[in-house]
C-alpha cells in the first residue's frame, strides 16, 4: 500500500449538501469533512470537524482585528461520556458571521446550510452542485 500524502487528502472535492432544519447535531457531523462546514443561520453556529486542515480558526483570527474574542468554540461529542469526538461548534457574533463565511468560500471551503433558513424564492441553481 502506498503512503498517502497530506496534500492529496486535502484536495478531496466536497459537494454542498443542505440539510433539513430538523437535522440533529449528531447527523450534521456525518456530512462534514475536510474543508466542509455547516452553518446554522438563525443561531449563527458554524459546525466543522477538523480544526487543523479546515482554516476556520485561522481565518477568524485574521478577521477579528479588534481582538474582542466574542465567539465561543465548543467541542462536541457523540456520546454523554465524551469518549467519541463529534466535532466543533463555533458560536459567531453577528459582526463576524458574514465576513467569515465569505472568507471561507474564498479559501475553497464548502459551506452547507439548513434548508428552512433559505429564502423560498431562491430558485437559482446551486453553484456547488451544477447539473451535468
C-alpha atoms as a PDB file:
ATOM      1  CA  UNK A   1       0.000   0.000   0.000  1.00  0.00           C
ATOM      2  CA  UNK A   2       1.360   3.388  -0.992  1.00  0.00           C
ATOM      3  CA  UNK A   3       1.600   6.125   1.622  1.00  0.00           C
ATOM      4  CA  UNK A   4      -0.969   8.864   1.145  1.00  0.00           C
ATOM      5  CA  UNK A   5       0.420  12.372   1.279  1.00  0.00           C
ATOM      6  CA  UNK A   6      -1.344  15.043   3.285  1.00  0.00           C
ATOM      7  CA  UNK A   7      -1.771  17.189   0.149  1.00  0.00           C
ATOM      8  CA  UNK A   8      -3.815  14.531  -1.629  1.00  0.00           C
ATOM      9  CA  UNK A   9      -6.170  14.183   1.346  1.00  0.00           C
ATOM     10  CA  UNK A  10      -6.931  17.903   1.406  1.00  0.00           C
ATOM     11  CA  UNK A  11      -7.904  18.043  -2.278  1.00  0.00           C
ATOM     12  CA  UNK A  12     -10.883  15.711  -1.975  1.00  0.00           C
ATOM     13  CA  UNK A  13     -13.808  17.592  -3.555  1.00  0.00           C
ATOM     14  CA  UNK A  14     -16.887  18.115  -1.415  1.00  0.00           C
ATOM     15  CA  UNK A  15     -20.359  18.860  -2.683  1.00  0.00           C
ATOM     16  CA  UNK A  16     -22.619  21.170  -0.781  1.00  0.00           C
ATOM     17  CA  UNK A  17     -25.392  19.321   0.991  1.00  0.00           C
ATOM     18  CA  UNK A  18     -28.040  21.490   2.589  1.00  0.00           C
ATOM     19  CA  UNK A  19     -29.874  19.757   5.408  1.00  0.00           C
ATOM     20  CA  UNK A  20     -33.443  19.985   6.727  1.00  0.00           C
ATOM     21  CA  UNK A  21     -33.866  22.150   9.804  1.00  0.00           C
ATOM     22  CA  UNK A  22     -34.843  19.084  11.871  1.00  0.00           C
ATOM     23  CA  UNK A  23     -31.361  17.581  11.446  1.00  0.00           C
ATOM     24  CA  UNK A  24     -29.733  16.825  14.795  1.00  0.00           C
ATOM     25  CA  UNK A  25     -26.193  17.881  15.664  1.00  0.00           C
ATOM     26  CA  UNK A  26     -25.073  14.256  15.515  1.00  0.00           C
ATOM     27  CA  UNK A  27     -26.367  13.962  11.958  1.00  0.00           C
ATOM     28  CA  UNK A  28     -24.651  17.177  10.893  1.00  0.00           C
ATOM     29  CA  UNK A  29     -21.226  15.706  11.623  1.00  0.00           C
ATOM     30  CA  UNK A  30     -21.976  12.740   9.379  1.00  0.00           C
ATOM     31  CA  UNK A  31     -21.840  15.089   6.372  1.00  0.00           C
ATOM     32  CA  UNK A  32     -18.776  17.117   7.335  1.00  0.00           C
ATOM     33  CA  UNK A  33     -15.190  16.571   6.300  1.00  0.00           C
ATOM     34  CA  UNK A  34     -12.030  18.449   5.471  1.00  0.00           C
ATOM     35  CA  UNK A  35     -12.881  21.869   4.022  1.00  0.00           C
ATOM     36  CA  UNK A  36     -16.616  21.328   4.533  1.00  0.00           C
ATOM     37  CA  UNK A  37     -18.569  23.192   7.211  1.00  0.00           C
ATOM     38  CA  UNK A  38     -22.227  23.558   8.147  1.00  0.00           C
ATOM     39  CA  UNK A  39     -23.720  26.931   9.113  1.00  0.00           C
ATOM     40  CA  UNK A  40     -26.969  27.316  11.037  1.00  0.00           C
ATOM     41  CA  UNK A  41     -28.059  30.847  10.118  1.00  0.00           C
ATOM     42  CA  UNK A  42     -30.672  31.521  12.789  1.00  0.00           C
ATOM     43  CA  UNK A  43     -28.324  30.704  15.659  1.00  0.00           C
ATOM     44  CA  UNK A  44     -25.062  31.720  13.893  1.00  0.00           C
ATOM     45  CA  UNK A  45     -23.488  28.343  14.705  1.00  0.00           C
ATOM     46  CA  UNK A  46     -20.732  27.026  12.461  1.00  0.00           C
ATOM     47  CA  UNK A  47     -20.058  23.285  12.663  1.00  0.00           C
ATOM     48  CA  UNK A  48     -16.824  21.718  11.442  1.00  0.00           C
ATOM     49  CA  UNK A  49     -14.930  18.532  12.121  1.00  0.00           C
ATOM     50  CA  UNK A  50     -11.267  19.316  11.529  1.00  0.00           C
ATOM     51  CA  UNK A  51      -9.504  22.148  13.316  1.00  0.00           C
ATOM     52  CA  UNK A  52      -6.128  21.730  11.608  1.00  0.00           C
ATOM     53  CA  UNK A  53      -6.952  21.328   7.905  1.00  0.00           C
ATOM     54  CA  UNK A  54     -10.137  23.382   7.712  1.00  0.00           C
ATOM     55  CA  UNK A  55      -8.971  27.005   8.135  1.00  0.00           C
ATOM     56  CA  UNK A  56     -11.890  28.259  10.247  1.00  0.00           C
ATOM     57  CA  UNK A  57      -9.921  29.482  13.267  1.00  0.00           C
ATOM     58  CA  UNK A  58      -7.049  30.895  11.217  1.00  0.00           C
ATOM     59  CA  UNK A  59      -9.414  32.954   9.078  1.00  0.00           C
ATOM     60  CA  UNK A  60     -11.462  34.002  12.110  1.00  0.00           C
ATOM     61  CA  UNK A  61      -8.348  35.193  13.923  1.00  0.00           C
ATOM     62  CA  UNK A  62      -7.312  37.319  10.940  1.00  0.00           C
ATOM     63  CA  UNK A  63     -10.818  38.853  10.700  1.00  0.00           C
ATOM     64  CA  UNK A  64     -11.076  39.692  14.394  1.00  0.00           C
ATOM     65  CA  UNK A  65      -8.822  42.763  14.187  1.00  0.00           C
ATOM     66  CA  UNK A  66     -10.348  44.269  17.335  1.00  0.00           C
ATOM     67  CA  UNK A  67      -9.322  41.141  19.277  1.00  0.00           C
ATOM     68  CA  UNK A  68     -12.638  41.018  21.082  1.00  0.00           C
ATOM     69  CA  UNK A  69     -12.756  37.207  21.108  1.00  0.00           C
ATOM     70  CA  UNK A  70     -16.539  37.364  21.401  1.00  0.00           C
ATOM     71  CA  UNK A  71     -17.013  33.989  19.750  1.00  0.00           C
ATOM     72  CA  UNK A  72     -17.297  30.655  21.544  1.00  0.00           C
ATOM     73  CA  UNK A  73     -15.709  27.397  20.368  1.00  0.00           C
ATOM     74  CA  UNK A  74     -17.163  24.193  21.787  1.00  0.00           C
ATOM     75  CA  UNK A  75     -16.045  20.597  21.356  1.00  0.00           C
ATOM     76  CA  UNK A  76     -18.990  18.293  20.762  1.00  0.00           C
ATOM     77  CA  UNK A  77     -19.125  14.569  21.431  1.00  0.00           C
ATOM     78  CA  UNK A  78     -21.380  11.846  20.085  1.00  0.00           C
ATOM     79  CA  UNK A  79     -21.976  10.297  23.491  1.00  0.00           C
ATOM     80  CA  UNK A  80     -22.734  11.504  27.013  1.00  0.00           C
ATOM     81  CA  UNK A  81     -19.443  10.152  28.389  1.00  0.00           C
ATOM     82  CA  UNK A  82     -17.317  12.214  25.951  1.00  0.00           C
ATOM     83  CA  UNK A  83     -15.486   9.210  24.526  1.00  0.00           C
ATOM     84  CA  UNK A  84     -16.422   9.716  20.868  1.00  0.00           C
ATOM     85  CA  UNK A  85     -15.428  13.027  19.318  1.00  0.00           C
ATOM     86  CA  UNK A  86     -18.072  14.603  17.081  1.00  0.00           C
ATOM     87  CA  UNK A  87     -16.558  17.900  16.001  1.00  0.00           C
ATOM     88  CA  UNK A  88     -16.650  21.569  16.830  1.00  0.00           C
ATOM     89  CA  UNK A  89     -19.354  24.191  17.094  1.00  0.00           C
ATOM     90  CA  UNK A  90     -18.439  27.848  16.824  1.00  0.00           C
ATOM     91  CA  UNK A  91     -20.901  30.492  18.050  1.00  0.00           C
ATOM     92  CA  UNK A  92     -20.265  33.599  15.956  1.00  0.00           C
ATOM     93  CA  UNK A  93     -21.140  37.201  16.713  1.00  0.00           C
ATOM     94  CA  UNK A  94     -23.178  38.948  14.053  1.00  0.00           C
ATOM     95  CA  UNK A  95     -20.275  41.240  13.118  1.00  0.00           C
ATOM     96  CA  UNK A  96     -18.077  38.290  12.118  1.00  0.00           C
ATOM     97  CA  UNK A  97     -20.515  35.764  10.658  1.00  0.00           C
ATOM     98  CA  UNK A  98     -20.843  37.124   7.109  1.00  0.00           C
ATOM     99  CA  UNK A  99     -17.158  38.109   6.671  1.00  0.00           C
ATOM    100  CA  UNK A 100     -16.080  34.669   7.920  1.00  0.00           C
ATOM    101  CA  UNK A 101     -18.391  32.829   5.525  1.00  0.00           C
ATOM    102  CA  UNK A 102     -17.157  34.892   2.571  1.00  0.00           C
ATOM    103  CA  UNK A 103     -13.516  34.373   3.527  1.00  0.00           C
ATOM    104  CA  UNK A 104     -14.033  30.616   3.916  1.00  0.00           C
ATOM    105  CA  UNK A 105     -15.648  30.418   0.468  1.00  0.00           C
ATOM    106  CA  UNK A 106     -12.657  32.265  -0.993  1.00  0.00           C
ATOM    107  CA  UNK A 107     -10.388  29.688   0.683  1.00  0.00           C
ATOM    108  CA  UNK A 108     -12.304  26.872  -1.041  1.00  0.00           C
ATOM    109  CA  UNK A 109     -14.313  25.693   1.956  1.00  0.00           C
ATOM    110  CA  UNK A 110     -17.741  24.240   1.119  1.00  0.00           C
ATOM    111  CA  UNK A 111     -20.482  25.701   3.310  1.00  0.00           C
ATOM    112  CA  UNK A 112     -23.788  23.868   3.775  1.00  0.00           C
ATOM    113  CA  UNK A 113     -26.882  25.446   5.318  1.00  0.00           C
ATOM    114  CA  UNK A 114     -30.155  24.390   6.889  1.00  0.00           C
ATOM    115  CA  UNK A 115     -32.899  24.453   4.270  1.00  0.00           C
ATOM    116  CA  UNK A 116     -35.532  26.181   6.409  1.00  0.00           C
ATOM    117  CA  UNK A 117     -33.386  29.330   6.659  1.00  0.00           C
ATOM    118  CA  UNK A 118     -33.105  29.697   2.877  1.00  0.00           C
ATOM    119  CA  UNK A 119     -35.490  32.119   1.157  1.00  0.00           C
ATOM    120  CA  UNK A 120     -38.364  30.377  -0.638  1.00  0.00           C
ATOM    121  CA  UNK A 121     -37.902  32.436  -3.822  1.00  0.00           C
ATOM    122  CA  UNK A 122     -34.312  31.303  -4.309  1.00  0.00           C
ATOM    123  CA  UNK A 123     -34.600  29.077  -7.363  1.00  0.00           C
ATOM    124  CA  UNK A 124     -31.204  29.744  -8.926  1.00  0.00           C
ATOM    125  CA  UNK A 125     -29.000  26.668  -9.386  1.00  0.00           C
ATOM    126  CA  UNK A 126     -26.669  25.723  -6.574  1.00  0.00           C
ATOM    127  CA  UNK A 127     -23.111  26.793  -7.544  1.00  0.00           C
ATOM    128  CA  UNK A 128     -21.625  23.782  -5.743  1.00  0.00           C
ATOM    129  CA  UNK A 129     -23.833  21.164  -7.427  1.00  0.00           C
ATOM    130  CA  UNK A 130     -24.221  22.286 -11.004  1.00  0.00           C
ATOM    131  CA  UNK A 131     -26.090  19.847 -13.284  1.00  0.00           C
ATOM    132  CA  UNK A 132     -24.238  17.798 -15.691  1.00  0.00           C
END
